[in-house]
Amino acid sequence: MIYSISRKQAFDNFIPKNILGVYYFISSEENIIYIGKSKDVGKRIQQHIKNGRKRMIYEFKKIKILKLNTELEALLFESQEIKKFLPIFNRKLRKTKNTISIYENITKYGYKFFDLNHCSSSPILEFISKRKAINYIIKISKEFNLCYKINNIEKFKDACFNYHLKDCFGACINLEDVERYNKRFDYSLSKIFKIPNDCKIIFEDNPHKTFVKIKNNRVISFGVKNLSNHKINYPSLDELKIVKIFQKKFNSTTIKKNK
């Protein structure tokens, strides 16, 4: 169900109560300027109006509310909508974070690697300092025999130091098969997120069952049994992080490995 709320209705708090879902602040030019989610959308909108960013509150003309079924469904749906519409105030909020992000990148030869950035659109993990982020990359690289040179831990012109110790299989000098190397990289991600590469996870969120399908370390679809089914059109690691966080909240989950 979709609700349309005028600016006046929003300021008068004339919003349906206890709606779980995703909401959109829309400007007079019909641009979506902010997307959020809440277990109580009306209450969250009032918080924006009272304490939110002044420019955003000044610019919005109306609010659209999409009613959904579970919190996890709303979180994943919100993530996809932000990637689709790229609202200006969602982007500004992300830029204010003073953290170092680890994100996935790929070399010109096709090898996947962990890279660092102050502001990544889809970080795997975030750290308060560059040193902590590098130490984590070193730990993962050592555990899964990932090349230190490819992961920018070492700066060598030719083979990395570990190659001479036979702890690297030669990806740094393009000797190791790319597919073989990337399989280890993908497996390291499943270790980070503690979620199998290919599976279906079902969350028992009374009275609903929210499902998430994962393939190659990416959420490919999600929904609520007998009610909804959403395809992931903008895949990233953000959705996997949401699922990982949600797993900690639920004791009642079922993981089925894909055949």
Foldseek 3Di string as FASTA:
>chain_A
DKDKFFLVCLVVLVDDWQFWAKKFFAFPVRAGQDIDTDSTVSVVSNCCCVPNDPVSNVGGGIMMTDGADDNLVRVVVRLLVCVVRVHNVVVVVQVVDQWKFWFWDADPVGAIETDIDRGDPFGLDIHNDPVVVLVVRVVLCQVLLNACVVNVNDDDPAHDPVVVVVSHPGVRHPPDDRVVNVVSVLVSSCVVLVHDQFKKKWAVDPPWIKIFTHHSQWTQWIGIPPPDIGGRPPIGNPSSNSVSVVVVVGPDMDIGGDD
